[in-house]
Amino acid sequence: MRQDNTVDLGVVQIHKKVIGDIAAASIQEVPGAALATFGIIGSIAEAFGYKNYPSVTVSVDKDNQVSLEIRVIIYYGMNIPEVARQIQDVIQRAVEDAVDINLREINVNVQAIERRA
């Protein structure tokens, strides 16, 4: 007879900010895109080690379905719809791998086009 030595250690909860951090970090993998930035306050907070991504919004609906809205800048000369699809694919893969959550939707909002320096 085999004994079950399983111990229930509790519940794991993942804050929606963590999902936003994963999404923000994964955009760096997409050539031709960057997170939209909003002023100097975000830069100051980041200098002190605080991650602030106002360009990433994570929503959880009443059915616990998670949605993301990402505001990005696309570099001039890039195919905007193709880069946006790449952003969606990279974010979906990163979130699923890291926290095992299926996202309901990933909305990419192109805020600006920038020329590279």
PDB file of N, CA and C in Angstrom:
ATOM      1  N   MET A   1       0.830  -1.170   0.000  1.00  0.00           N
ATOM      2  CA  MET A   1       0.000   0.000   0.000  1.00  0.00           C
ATOM      3  C   MET A   1       0.888   1.251   0.000  1.00  0.00           C
ATOM      4  N   ARG A   2       0.613   2.154  -0.910  1.00  0.00           N
ATOM      5  CA  ARG A   2       1.400   3.374  -1.037  1.00  0.00           C
ATOM      6  C   ARG A   2       0.748   4.515  -0.263  1.00  0.00           C
ATOM      7  N   GLN A   3       1.548   5.250   0.478  1.00  0.00           N
ATOM      8  CA  GLN A   3       1.021   6.389   1.219  1.00  0.00           C
ATOM      9  C   GLN A   3       1.204   7.656   0.399  1.00  0.00           C
ATOM     10  N   ASP A   4       0.232   8.506   0.460  1.00  0.00           N
ATOM     11  CA  ASP A   4       0.302   9.789  -0.229  1.00  0.00           C
ATOM     12  C   ASP A   4       0.963  10.801   0.700  1.00  0.00           C
ATOM     13  N   ASN A   5       2.140  11.273   0.318  1.00  0.00           N
ATOM     14  CA  ASN A   5       2.884  12.219   1.145  1.00  0.00           C
ATOM     15  C   ASN A   5       2.760  13.653   0.629  1.00  0.00           C
ATOM     16  N   THR A   6       1.677  13.954  -0.040  1.00  0.00           N
ATOM     17  CA  THR A   6       1.463  15.282  -0.584  1.00  0.00           C
ATOM     18  C   THR A   6       1.056  16.244   0.518  1.00  0.00           C
ATOM     19  N   VAL A   7       1.643  17.411   0.493  1.00  0.00           N
ATOM     20  CA  VAL A   7       1.315  18.447   1.462  1.00  0.00           C
ATOM     21  C   VAL A   7       0.809  19.657   0.687  1.00  0.00           C
ATOM     22  N   ASP A   8      -0.356  20.138   1.048  1.00  0.00           N
ATOM     23  CA  ASP A   8      -0.905  21.337   0.423  1.00  0.00           C
ATOM     24  C   ASP A   8      -0.215  22.548   1.042  1.00  0.00           C
ATOM     25  N   LEU A   9       0.532  23.280   0.218  1.00  0.00           N
ATOM     26  CA  LEU A   9       1.297  24.416   0.725  1.00  0.00           C
ATOM     27  C   LEU A   9       0.580  25.747   0.544  1.00  0.00           C
ATOM     28  N   GLY A  10      -0.588  25.734  -0.052  1.00  0.00           N
ATOM     29  CA  GLY A  10      -1.333  26.975  -0.219  1.00  0.00           C
ATOM     30  C   GLY A  10      -1.521  27.336  -1.674  1.00  0.00           C
ATOM     31  N   VAL A  11      -1.856  28.578  -1.895  1.00  0.00           N
ATOM     32  CA  VAL A  11      -2.210  29.094  -3.207  1.00  0.00           C
ATOM     33  C   VAL A  11      -1.103  30.006  -3.719  1.00  0.00           C
ATOM     34  N   VAL A  12      -0.842  29.930  -5.007  1.00  0.00           N
ATOM     35  CA  VAL A  12       0.101  30.843  -5.647  1.00  0.00           C
ATOM     36  C   VAL A  12      -0.710  31.900  -6.377  1.00  0.00           C
ATOM     37  N   GLN A  13      -0.484  33.151  -6.051  1.00  0.00           N
ATOM     38  CA  GLN A  13      -1.151  34.253  -6.722  1.00  0.00           C
ATOM     39  C   GLN A  13      -0.118  35.094  -7.433  1.00  0.00           C
ATOM     40  N   ILE A  14      -0.455  35.515  -8.635  1.00  0.00           N
ATOM     41  CA  ILE A  14       0.456  36.334  -9.438  1.00  0.00           C
ATOM     42  C   ILE A  14      -0.219  37.675  -9.671  1.00  0.00           C
ATOM     43  N   HIS A  15       0.413  38.728  -9.205  1.00  0.00           N
ATOM     44  CA  HIS A  15      -0.138  40.072  -9.352  1.00  0.00           C
ATOM     45  C   HIS A  15      -0.122  40.470 -10.820  1.00  0.00           C
ATOM     46  N   LYS A  16      -1.112  41.242 -11.240  1.00  0.00           N
ATOM     47  CA  LYS A  16      -1.173  41.633 -12.650  1.00  0.00           C
ATOM     48  C   LYS A  16      -0.001  42.521 -13.053  1.00  0.00           C
ATOM     49  N   LYS A  17       0.658  43.171 -12.093  1.00  0.00           N
ATOM     50  CA  LYS A  17       1.861  43.950 -12.411  1.00  0.00           C
ATOM     51  C   LYS A  17       2.977  43.037 -12.927  1.00  0.00           C
ATOM     52  N   VAL A  18       3.042  41.824 -12.407  1.00  0.00           N
ATOM     53  CA  VAL A  18       4.056  40.867 -12.869  1.00  0.00           C
ATOM     54  C   VAL A  18       3.825  40.532 -14.343  1.00  0.00           C
ATOM     55  N   ILE A  19       2.579  40.346 -14.713  1.00  0.00           N
ATOM     56  CA  ILE A  19       2.249  40.065 -16.114  1.00  0.00           C
ATOM     57  C   ILE A  19       2.638  41.256 -16.985  1.00  0.00           C
ATOM     58  N   GLY A  20       2.388  42.460 -16.500  1.00  0.00           N
ATOM     59  CA  GLY A  20       2.790  43.668 -17.224  1.00  0.00           C
ATOM     60  C   GLY A  20       4.292  43.784 -17.363  1.00  0.00           C
ATOM     61  N   ASP A  21       5.033  43.428 -16.310  1.00  0.00           N
ATOM     62  CA  ASP A  21       6.497  43.461 -16.364  1.00  0.00           C
ATOM     63  C   ASP A  21       7.033  42.476 -17.406  1.00  0.00           C
ATOM     64  N   ILE A  22       6.433  41.292 -17.449  1.00  0.00           N
ATOM     65  CA  ILE A  22       6.853  40.283 -18.429  1.00  0.00           C
ATOM     66  C   ILE A  22       6.589  40.789 -19.839  1.00  0.00           C
ATOM     67  N   ALA A  23       5.415  41.366 -20.054  1.00  0.00           N
ATOM     68  CA  ALA A  23       5.067  41.893 -21.374  1.00  0.00           C
ATOM     69  C   ALA A  23       6.018  43.007 -21.788  1.00  0.00           C
ATOM     70  N   ALA A  24       6.299  43.916 -20.870  1.00  0.00           N
ATOM     71  CA  ALA A  24       7.198  45.037 -21.174  1.00  0.00           C
ATOM     72  C   ALA A  24       8.599  44.549 -21.518  1.00  0.00           C
ATOM     73  N   ALA A  25       9.093  43.580 -20.754  1.00  0.00           N
ATOM     74  CA  ALA A  25      10.437  43.058 -21.011  1.00  0.00           C
ATOM     75  C   ALA A  25      10.516  42.319 -22.338  1.00  0.00           C
ATOM     76  N   SER A  26       9.454  41.632 -22.706  1.00  0.00           N
ATOM     77  CA  SER A  26       9.492  40.819 -23.928  1.00  0.00           C
ATOM     78  C   SER A  26       9.498  41.661 -25.203  1.00  0.00           C
ATOM     79  N   ILE A  27       9.025  42.897 -25.138  1.00  0.00           N
ATOM     80  CA  ILE A  27       9.006  43.750 -26.328  1.00  0.00           C
ATOM     81  C   ILE A  27      10.418  44.037 -26.827  1.00  0.00           C
ATOM     82  N   GLN A  28      11.396  43.968 -25.944  1.00  0.00           N
ATOM     83  CA  GLN A  28      12.779  44.199 -26.361  1.00  0.00           C
ATOM     84  C   GLN A  28      13.250  43.177 -27.387  1.00  0.00           C
ATOM     85  N   GLU A  29      12.569  42.032 -27.470  1.00  0.00           N
ATOM     86  CA  GLU A  29      12.925  41.001 -28.442  1.00  0.00           C
ATOM     87  C   GLU A  29      12.440  41.313 -29.846  1.00  0.00           C
ATOM     88  N   VAL A  30      11.586  42.313 -29.993  1.00  0.00           N
ATOM     89  CA  VAL A  30      10.994  42.631 -31.292  1.00  0.00           C
ATOM     90  C   VAL A  30      11.785  43.754 -31.949  1.00  0.00           C
ATOM     91  N   PRO A  31      12.446  43.469 -33.065  1.00  0.00           N
ATOM     92  CA  PRO A  31      13.170  44.534 -33.755  1.00  0.00           C
ATOM     93  C   PRO A  31      12.190  45.531 -34.372  1.00  0.00           C
ATOM     94  N   GLY A  32      12.482  46.803 -34.212  1.00  0.00           N
ATOM     95  CA  GLY A  32      11.647  47.828 -34.825  1.00  0.00           C
ATOM     96  C   GLY A  32      10.572  48.378 -33.919  1.00  0.00           C
ATOM     97  N   ALA A  33      10.578  47.994 -32.646  1.00  0.00           N
ATOM     98  CA  ALA A  33       9.543  48.477 -31.730  1.00  0.00           C
ATOM     99  C   ALA A  33      10.132  48.759 -30.363  1.00  0.00           C
ATOM    100  N   ALA A  34       9.463  49.651 -29.643  1.00  0.00           N
ATOM    101  CA  ALA A  34       9.832  49.966 -28.256  1.00  0.00           C
ATOM    102  C   ALA A  34       8.571  50.389 -27.522  1.00  0.00           C
ATOM    103  N   LEU A  35       8.602  50.261 -26.204  1.00  0.00           N
ATOM    104  CA  LEU A  35       7.483  50.748 -25.405  1.00  0.00           C
ATOM    105  C   LEU A  35       7.397  52.257 -25.534  1.00  0.00           C
ATOM    106  N   ALA A  36       6.183  52.779 -25.576  1.00  0.00           N
ATOM    107  CA  ALA A  36       5.993  54.222 -25.566  1.00  0.00           C
ATOM    108  C   ALA A  36       6.378  54.738 -24.184  1.00  0.00           C
ATOM    109  N   THR A  37       7.027  55.872 -24.138  1.00  0.00           N
ATOM    110  CA  THR A  37       7.427  56.459 -22.854  1.00  0.00           C
ATOM    111  C   THR A  37       6.613  57.711 -22.598  1.00  0.00           C
ATOM    112  N   PHE A  38       6.417  58.006 -21.322  1.00  0.00           N
ATOM    113  CA  PHE A  38       5.585  59.134 -20.938  1.00  0.00           C
ATOM    114  C   PHE A  38       6.318  60.023 -19.952  1.00  0.00           C
ATOM    115  N   GLY A  39       7.147  60.893 -20.463  1.00  0.00           N
ATOM    116  CA  GLY A  39       7.760  61.914 -19.635  1.00  0.00           C
ATOM    117  C   GLY A  39       8.919  61.456 -18.771  1.00  0.00           C
ATOM    118  N   ILE A  40       9.364  62.386 -17.952  1.00  0.00           N
ATOM    119  CA  ILE A  40      10.564  62.194 -17.155  1.00  0.00           C
ATOM    120  C   ILE A  40      10.297  61.417 -15.863  1.00  0.00           C
ATOM    121  N   ILE A  41       9.063  61.386 -15.395  1.00  0.00           N
ATOM    122  CA  ILE A  41       8.767  60.713 -14.121  1.00  0.00           C
ATOM    123  C   ILE A  41       9.110  59.224 -14.202  1.00  0.00           C
ATOM    124  N   GLY A  42       8.778  58.584 -15.317  1.00  0.00           N
ATOM    125  CA  GLY A  42       9.119  57.174 -15.483  1.00  0.00           C
ATOM    126  C   GLY A  42      10.619  56.954 -15.478  1.00  0.00           C
ATOM    127  N   SER A  43      11.371  57.860 -16.078  1.00  0.00           N
ATOM    128  CA  SER A  43      12.831  57.744 -16.103  1.00  0.00           C
ATOM    129  C   SER A  43      13.429  57.901 -14.714  1.00  0.00           C
ATOM    130  N   ILE A  44      12.891  58.825 -13.941  1.00  0.00           N
ATOM    131  CA  ILE A  44      13.391  59.031 -12.580  1.00  0.00           C
ATOM    132  C   ILE A  44      13.096  57.810 -11.717  1.00  0.00           C
ATOM    133  N   ALA A  45      11.883  57.292 -11.826  1.00  0.00           N
ATOM    134  CA  ALA A  45      11.515  56.110 -11.033  1.00  0.00           C
ATOM    135  C   ALA A  45      12.392  54.924 -11.401  1.00  0.00           C
ATOM    136  N   GLU A  46      12.663  54.762 -12.691  1.00  0.00           N
ATOM    137  CA  GLU A  46      13.497  53.643 -13.139  1.00  0.00           C
ATOM    138  C   GLU A  46      14.932  53.794 -12.639  1.00  0.00           C
ATOM    139  N   ALA A  47      15.407  55.027 -12.544  1.00  0.00           N
ATOM    140  CA  ALA A  47      16.761  55.269 -12.039  1.00  0.00           C
ATOM    141  C   ALA A  47      16.900  54.811 -10.589  1.00  0.00           C
ATOM    142  N   PHE A  48      15.801  54.834  -9.840  1.00  0.00           N
ATOM    143  CA  PHE A  48      15.817  54.379  -8.455  1.00  0.00           C
ATOM    144  C   PHE A  48      15.418  52.915  -8.306  1.00  0.00           C
ATOM    145  N   GLY A  49      15.332  52.210  -9.432  1.00  0.00           N
ATOM    146  CA  GLY A  49      15.059  50.782  -9.386  1.00  0.00           C
ATOM    147  C   GLY A  49      13.589  50.413  -9.425  1.00  0.00           C
ATOM    148  N   TYR A  50      12.706  51.383  -9.557  1.00  0.00           N
ATOM    149  CA  TYR A  50      11.276  51.097  -9.608  1.00  0.00           C
ATOM    150  C   TYR A  50      10.854  50.939 -11.057  1.00  0.00           C
ATOM    151  N   LYS A  51      10.240  49.825 -11.371  1.00  0.00           N
ATOM    152  CA  LYS A  51       9.773  49.592 -12.725  1.00  0.00           C
ATOM    153  C   LYS A  51       8.386  50.180 -12.876  1.00  0.00           C
ATOM    154  N   ASN A  52       8.264  51.117 -13.781  1.00  0.00           N
ATOM    155  CA  ASN A  52       6.978  51.755 -14.019  1.00  0.00           C
ATOM    156  C   ASN A  52       6.706  51.709 -15.518  1.00  0.00           C
ATOM    157  N   TYR A  53       5.674  50.987 -15.895  1.00  0.00           N
ATOM    158  CA  TYR A  53       5.346  50.848 -17.311  1.00  0.00           C
ATOM    159  C   TYR A  53       3.939  51.375 -17.564  1.00  0.00           C
ATOM    160  N   PRO A  54       3.788  52.703 -17.679  1.00  0.00           N
ATOM    161  CA  PRO A  54       2.452  53.235 -17.944  1.00  0.00           C
ATOM    162  C   PRO A  54       1.944  52.861 -19.332  1.00  0.00           C
ATOM    163  N   SER A  55       2.816  52.348 -20.172  1.00  0.00           N
ATOM    164  CA  SER A  55       2.400  51.955 -21.519  1.00  0.00           C
ATOM    165  C   SER A  55       1.885  50.520 -21.571  1.00  0.00           C
ATOM    166  N   VAL A  56       1.791  49.846 -20.430  1.00  0.00           N
ATOM    167  CA  VAL A  56       1.251  48.486 -20.357  1.00  0.00           C
ATOM    168  C   VAL A  56       0.082  48.484 -19.378  1.00  0.00           C
ATOM    169  N   THR A  57      -1.081  48.075 -19.859  1.00  0.00           N
ATOM    170  CA  THR A  57      -2.259  47.977 -19.006  1.00  0.00           C
ATOM    171  C   THR A  57      -2.727  46.532 -18.980  1.00  0.00           C
ATOM    172  N   VAL A  58      -2.870  45.984 -17.789  1.00  0.00           N
ATOM    173  CA  VAL A  58      -3.339  44.611 -17.612  1.00  0.00           C
ATOM    174  C   VAL A  58      -4.733  44.672 -17.010  1.00  0.00           C
ATOM    175  N   SER A  59      -5.685  43.995 -17.656  1.00  0.00           N
ATOM    176  CA  SER A  59      -7.060  43.964 -17.165  1.00  0.00           C
ATOM    177  C   SER A  59      -7.478  42.527 -16.909  1.00  0.00           C
ATOM    178  N   VAL A  60      -8.228  42.328 -15.828  1.00  0.00           N
ATOM    179  CA  VAL A  60      -8.782  41.017 -15.507  1.00  0.00           C
ATOM    180  C   VAL A  60     -10.297  41.189 -15.430  1.00  0.00           C
ATOM    181  N   ASP A  61     -11.022  40.446 -16.264  1.00  0.00           N
ATOM    182  CA  ASP A  61     -12.478  40.597 -16.266  1.00  0.00           C
ATOM    183  C   ASP A  61     -13.131  39.702 -15.216  1.00  0.00           C
ATOM    184  N   LYS A  62     -14.453  39.716 -15.160  1.00  0.00           N
ATOM    185  CA  LYS A  62     -15.190  38.976 -14.120  1.00  0.00           C
ATOM    186  C   LYS A  62     -15.006  37.474 -14.229  1.00  0.00           C
ATOM    187  N   ASP A  63     -14.614  36.973 -15.408  1.00  0.00           N
ATOM    188  CA  ASP A  63     -14.363  35.543 -15.590  1.00  0.00           C
ATOM    189  C   ASP A  63     -12.891  35.184 -15.406  1.00  0.00           C
ATOM    190  N   ASN A  64     -12.107  36.129 -14.847  1.00  0.00           N
ATOM    191  CA  ASN A  64     -10.672  35.966 -14.636  1.00  0.00           C
ATOM    192  C   ASN A  64      -9.891  35.781 -15.933  1.00  0.00           C
ATOM    193  N   GLN A  65     -10.404  36.343 -17.015  1.00  0.00           N
ATOM    194  CA  GLN A  65      -9.688  36.355 -18.283  1.00  0.00           C
ATOM    195  C   GLN A  65      -8.787  37.586 -18.301  1.00  0.00           C
ATOM    196  N   VAL A  66      -7.520  37.399 -18.685  1.00  0.00           N
ATOM    197  CA  VAL A  66      -6.531  38.476 -18.658  1.00  0.00           C
ATOM    198  C   VAL A  66      -6.354  39.052 -20.061  1.00  0.00           C
ATOM    199  N   SER A  67      -6.396  40.383 -20.138  1.00  0.00           N
ATOM    200  CA  SER A  67      -6.178  41.100 -21.391  1.00  0.00           C
ATOM    201  C   SER A  67      -5.071  42.127 -21.180  1.00  0.00           C
ATOM    202  N   LEU A  68      -4.340  42.409 -22.233  1.00  0.00           N
ATOM    203  CA  LEU A  68      -3.270  43.402 -22.184  1.00  0.00           C
ATOM    204  C   LEU A  68      -3.494  44.472 -23.238  1.00  0.00           C
ATOM    205  N   GLU A  69      -3.141  45.688 -22.891  1.00  0.00           N
ATOM    206  CA  GLU A  69      -3.045  46.752 -23.884  1.00  0.00           C
ATOM    207  C   GLU A  69      -1.628  47.296 -23.797  1.00  0.00           C
ATOM    208  N   ILE A  70      -0.952  47.305 -24.926  1.00  0.00           N
ATOM    209  CA  ILE A  70       0.442  47.727 -25.000  1.00  0.00           C
ATOM    210  C   ILE A  70       0.521  48.935 -25.926  1.00  0.00           C
ATOM    211  N   ARG A  71       1.094  50.029 -25.437  1.00  0.00           N
ATOM    212  CA  ARG A  71       1.298  51.217 -26.257  1.00  0.00           C
ATOM    213  C   ARG A  71       2.769  51.244 -26.672  1.00  0.00           C
ATOM    214  N   VAL A  72       2.997  51.287 -27.983  1.00  0.00           N
ATOM    215  CA  VAL A  72       4.347  51.157 -28.503  1.00  0.00           C
ATOM    216  C   VAL A  72       4.685  52.255 -29.498  1.00  0.00           C
ATOM    217  N   ILE A  73       5.968  52.341 -29.754  1.00  0.00           N
ATOM    218  CA  ILE A  73       6.515  53.182 -30.812  1.00  0.00           C
ATOM    219  C   ILE A  73       7.112  52.233 -31.842  1.00  0.00           C
ATOM    220  N   ILE A  74       6.807  52.469 -33.103  1.00  0.00           N
ATOM    221  CA  ILE A  74       7.364  51.671 -34.206  1.00  0.00           C
ATOM    222  C   ILE A  74       8.364  52.546 -34.946  1.00  0.00           C
ATOM    223  N   TYR A  75       9.472  51.951 -35.317  1.00  0.00           N
ATOM    224  CA  TYR A  75      10.491  52.715 -36.030  1.00  0.00           C
ATOM    225  C   TYR A  75      10.104  52.910 -37.486  1.00  0.00           C
ATOM    226  N   TYR A  76      10.437  54.079 -37.994  1.00  0.00           N
ATOM    227  CA  TYR A  76      10.122  54.457 -39.364  1.00  0.00           C
ATOM    228  C   TYR A  76      10.691  53.431 -40.346  1.00  0.00           C
ATOM    229  N   GLY A  77       9.887  53.060 -41.323  1.00  0.00           N
ATOM    230  CA  GLY A  77      10.312  52.126 -42.355  1.00  0.00           C
ATOM    231  C   GLY A  77       9.902  50.691 -42.075  1.00  0.00           C
ATOM    232  N   MET A  78       9.422  50.411 -40.888  1.00  0.00           N
ATOM    233  CA  MET A  78       8.991  49.054 -40.537  1.00  0.00           C
ATOM    234  C   MET A  78       7.544  48.844 -40.985  1.00  0.00           C
ATOM    235  N   ASN A  79       7.192  47.604 -41.247  1.00  0.00           N
ATOM    236  CA  ASN A  79       5.821  47.247 -41.591  1.00  0.00           C
ATOM    237  C   ASN A  79       5.021  47.203 -40.285  1.00  0.00           C
ATOM    238  N   ILE A  80       4.160  48.174 -40.079  1.00  0.00           N
ATOM    239  CA  ILE A  80       3.473  48.338 -38.795  1.00  0.00           C
ATOM    240  C   ILE A  80       2.630  47.113 -38.417  1.00  0.00           C
ATOM    241  N   PRO A  81       1.764  46.611 -39.319  1.00  0.00           N
ATOM    242  CA  PRO A  81       0.975  45.429 -38.921  1.00  0.00           C
ATOM    243  C   PRO A  81       1.838  44.208 -38.606  1.00  0.00           C
ATOM    244  N   GLU A  82       2.925  44.014 -39.331  1.00  0.00           N
ATOM    245  CA  GLU A  82       3.800  42.864 -39.075  1.00  0.00           C
ATOM    246  C   GLU A  82       4.503  42.992 -37.725  1.00  0.00           C
ATOM    247  N   VAL A  83       5.012  44.183 -37.416  1.00  0.00           N
ATOM    248  CA  VAL A  83       5.668  44.392 -36.123  1.00  0.00           C
ATOM    249  C   VAL A  83       4.658  44.213 -34.987  1.00  0.00           C
ATOM    250  N   ALA A  84       3.437  44.701 -35.166  1.00  0.00           N
ATOM    251  CA  ALA A  84       2.402  44.556 -34.134  1.00  0.00           C
ATOM    252  C   ALA A  84       2.078  43.077 -33.903  1.00  0.00           C
ATOM    253  N   ARG A  85       2.008  42.288 -34.954  1.00  0.00           N
ATOM    254  CA  ARG A  85       1.762  40.842 -34.808  1.00  0.00           C
ATOM    255  C   ARG A  85       2.929  40.170 -34.080  1.00  0.00           C
ATOM    256  N   GLN A  86       4.147  40.588 -34.403  1.00  0.00           N
ATOM    257  CA  GLN A  86       5.314  40.030 -33.706  1.00  0.00           C
ATOM    258  C   GLN A  86       5.260  40.358 -32.219  1.00  0.00           C
ATOM    259  N   ILE A  87       4.845  41.583 -31.893  1.00  0.00           N
ATOM    260  CA  ILE A  87       4.714  41.975 -30.489  1.00  0.00           C
ATOM    261  C   ILE A  87       3.704  41.074 -29.792  1.00  0.00           C
ATOM    262  N   GLN A  88       2.561  40.843 -30.424  1.00  0.00           N
ATOM    263  CA  GLN A  88       1.540  39.971 -29.839  1.00  0.00           C
ATOM    264  C   GLN A  88       2.076  38.558 -29.623  1.00  0.00           C
ATOM    265  N   ASP A  89       2.775  38.027 -30.620  1.00  0.00           N
ATOM    266  CA  ASP A  89       3.312  36.662 -30.516  1.00  0.00           C
ATOM    267  C   ASP A  89       4.347  36.541 -29.403  1.00  0.00           C
ATOM    268  N   VAL A  90       5.262  37.503 -29.334  1.00  0.00           N
ATOM    269  CA  VAL A  90       6.329  37.462 -28.326  1.00  0.00           C
ATOM    270  C   VAL A  90       5.745  37.579 -26.924  1.00  0.00           C
ATOM    271  N   ILE A  91       4.797  38.489 -26.740  1.00  0.00           N
ATOM    272  CA  ILE A  91       4.179  38.663 -25.428  1.00  0.00           C
ATOM    273  C   ILE A  91       3.409  37.415 -25.026  1.00  0.00           C
ATOM    274  N   GLN A  92       2.626  36.867 -25.943  1.00  0.00           N
ATOM    275  CA  GLN A  92       1.839  35.667 -25.629  1.00  0.00           C
ATOM    276  C   GLN A  92       2.751  34.526 -25.193  1.00  0.00           C
ATOM    277  N   ARG A  93       3.815  34.300 -25.939  1.00  0.00           N
ATOM    278  CA  ARG A  93       4.752  33.221 -25.617  1.00  0.00           C
ATOM    279  C   ARG A  93       5.424  33.457 -24.260  1.00  0.00           C
ATOM    280  N   ALA A  94       5.860  34.695 -24.015  1.00  0.00           N
ATOM    281  CA  ALA A  94       6.560  35.015 -22.768  1.00  0.00           C
ATOM    282  C   ALA A  94       5.650  34.833 -21.550  1.00  0.00           C
ATOM    283  N   VAL A  95       4.414  35.310 -21.646  1.00  0.00           N
ATOM    284  CA  VAL A  95       3.484  35.200 -20.514  1.00  0.00           C
ATOM    285  C   VAL A  95       3.091  33.745 -20.287  1.00  0.00           C
ATOM    286  N   GLU A  96       2.811  33.019 -21.350  1.00  0.00           N
ATOM    287  CA  GLU A  96       2.442  31.613 -21.191  1.00  0.00           C
ATOM    288  C   GLU A  96       3.580  30.802 -20.589  1.00  0.00           C
ATOM    289  N   ASP A  97       4.816  31.069 -21.020  1.00  0.00           N
ATOM    290  CA  ASP A  97       5.967  30.336 -20.491  1.00  0.00           C
ATOM    291  C   ASP A  97       6.245  30.673 -19.027  1.00  0.00           C
ATOM    292  N   ALA A  98       6.107  31.950 -18.663  1.00  0.00           N
ATOM    293  CA  ALA A  98       6.489  32.388 -17.321  1.00  0.00           C
ATOM    294  C   ALA A  98       5.424  32.106 -16.267  1.00  0.00           C
ATOM    295  N   VAL A  99       4.163  32.338 -16.588  1.00  0.00           N
ATOM    296  CA  VAL A  99       3.131  32.236 -15.551  1.00  0.00           C
ATOM    297  C   VAL A  99       1.994  31.291 -15.918  1.00  0.00           C
ATOM    298  N   ASP A 100       2.086  30.636 -17.067  1.00  0.00           N
ATOM    299  CA  ASP A 100       1.099  29.635 -17.477  1.00  0.00           C
ATOM    300  C   ASP A 100      -0.324  30.193 -17.480  1.00  0.00           C
ATOM    301  N   ILE A 101      -0.469  31.385 -18.071  1.00  0.00           N
ATOM    302  CA  ILE A 101      -1.777  32.021 -18.218  1.00  0.00           C
ATOM    303  C   ILE A 101      -2.049  32.206 -19.707  1.00  0.00           C
ATOM    304  N   ASN A 102      -3.245  31.833 -20.134  1.00  0.00           N
ATOM    305  CA  ASN A 102      -3.661  32.098 -21.508  1.00  0.00           C
ATOM    306  C   ASN A 102      -4.310  33.471 -21.554  1.00  0.00           C
ATOM    307  N   LEU A 103      -3.759  34.359 -22.344  1.00  0.00           N
ATOM    308  CA  LEU A 103      -4.290  35.704 -22.449  1.00  0.00           C
ATOM    309  C   LEU A 103      -5.511  35.709 -23.363  1.00  0.00           C
ATOM    310  N   ARG A 104      -6.516  36.479 -22.977  1.00  0.00           N
ATOM    311  CA  ARG A 104      -7.719  36.593 -23.806  1.00  0.00           C
ATOM    312  C   ARG A 104      -7.418  37.419 -25.044  1.00  0.00           C
ATOM    313  N   GLU A 105      -6.732  38.550 -24.847  1.00  0.00           N
ATOM    314  CA  GLU A 105      -6.369  39.395 -25.985  1.00  0.00           C
ATOM    315  C   GLU A 105      -5.157  40.250 -25.641  1.00  0.00           C
ATOM    316  N   ILE A 106      -4.427  40.600 -26.696  1.00  0.00           N
ATOM    317  CA  ILE A 106      -3.282  41.488 -26.573  1.00  0.00           C
ATOM    318  C   ILE A 106      -3.495  42.588 -27.610  1.00  0.00           C
ATOM    319  N   ASN A 107      -3.859  43.765 -27.149  1.00  0.00           N
ATOM    320  CA  ASN A 107      -4.113  44.888 -28.041  1.00  0.00           C
ATOM    321  C   ASN A 107      -2.862  45.743 -28.133  1.00  0.00           C
ATOM    322  N   VAL A 108      -2.401  45.977 -29.346  1.00  0.00           N
ATOM    323  CA  VAL A 108      -1.218  46.794 -29.583  1.00  0.00           C
ATOM    324  C   VAL A 108      -1.687  48.143 -30.119  1.00  0.00           C
ATOM    325  N   ASN A 109      -1.344  49.197 -29.410  1.00  0.00           N
ATOM    326  CA  ASN A 109      -1.734  50.551 -29.774  1.00  0.00           C
ATOM    327  C   ASN A 109      -0.465  51.303 -30.185  1.00  0.00           C
ATOM    328  N   VAL A 110      -0.328  51.603 -31.471  1.00  0.00           N
ATOM    329  CA  VAL A 110       0.852  52.303 -31.970  1.00  0.00           C
ATOM    330  C   VAL A 110       0.678  53.785 -31.687  1.00  0.00           C
ATOM    331  N   GLN A 111       1.538  54.319 -30.820  1.00  0.00           N
ATOM    332  CA  GLN A 111       1.443  55.704 -30.381  1.00  0.00           C
ATOM    333  C   GLN A 111       2.223  56.669 -31.274  1.00  0.00           C
ATOM    334  N   ALA A 112       3.282  56.193 -31.909  1.00  0.00           N
ATOM    335  CA  ALA A 112       4.118  57.086 -32.698  1.00  0.00           C
ATOM    336  C   ALA A 112       5.026  56.282 -33.627  1.00  0.00           C
ATOM    337  N   ILE A 113       5.543  56.994 -34.602  1.00  0.00           N
ATOM    338  CA  ILE A 113       6.580  56.457 -35.481  1.00  0.00           C
ATOM    339  C   ILE A 113       7.838  57.302 -35.213  1.00  0.00           C
ATOM    340  N   GLU A 114       8.956  56.634 -35.022  1.00  0.00           N
ATOM    341  CA  GLU A 114      10.214  57.342 -34.741  1.00  0.00           C
ATOM    342  C   GLU A 114      11.279  56.950 -35.738  1.00  0.00           C
ATOM    343  N   ARG A 115      12.084  57.931 -36.077  1.00  0.00           N
ATOM    344  CA  ARG A 115      13.276  57.628 -36.876  1.00  0.00           C
ATOM    345  C   ARG A 115      14.365  57.180 -35.933  1.00  0.00           C
ATOM    346  N   ARG A 116      15.140  56.204 -36.365  1.00  0.00           N
ATOM    347  CA  ARG A 116      16.263  55.753 -35.528  1.00  0.00           C
ATOM    348  C   ARG A 116      17.402  56.735 -35.623  1.00  0.00           C
ATOM    349  N   ALA A 117      18.144  56.844 -34.539  1.00  0.00           N
ATOM    350  CA  ALA A 117      19.268  57.804 -34.492  1.00  0.00           C
ATOM    351  C   ALA A 117      20.427  57.300 -35.299  1.00  0.00           C
TER     352      ALA A 117
END
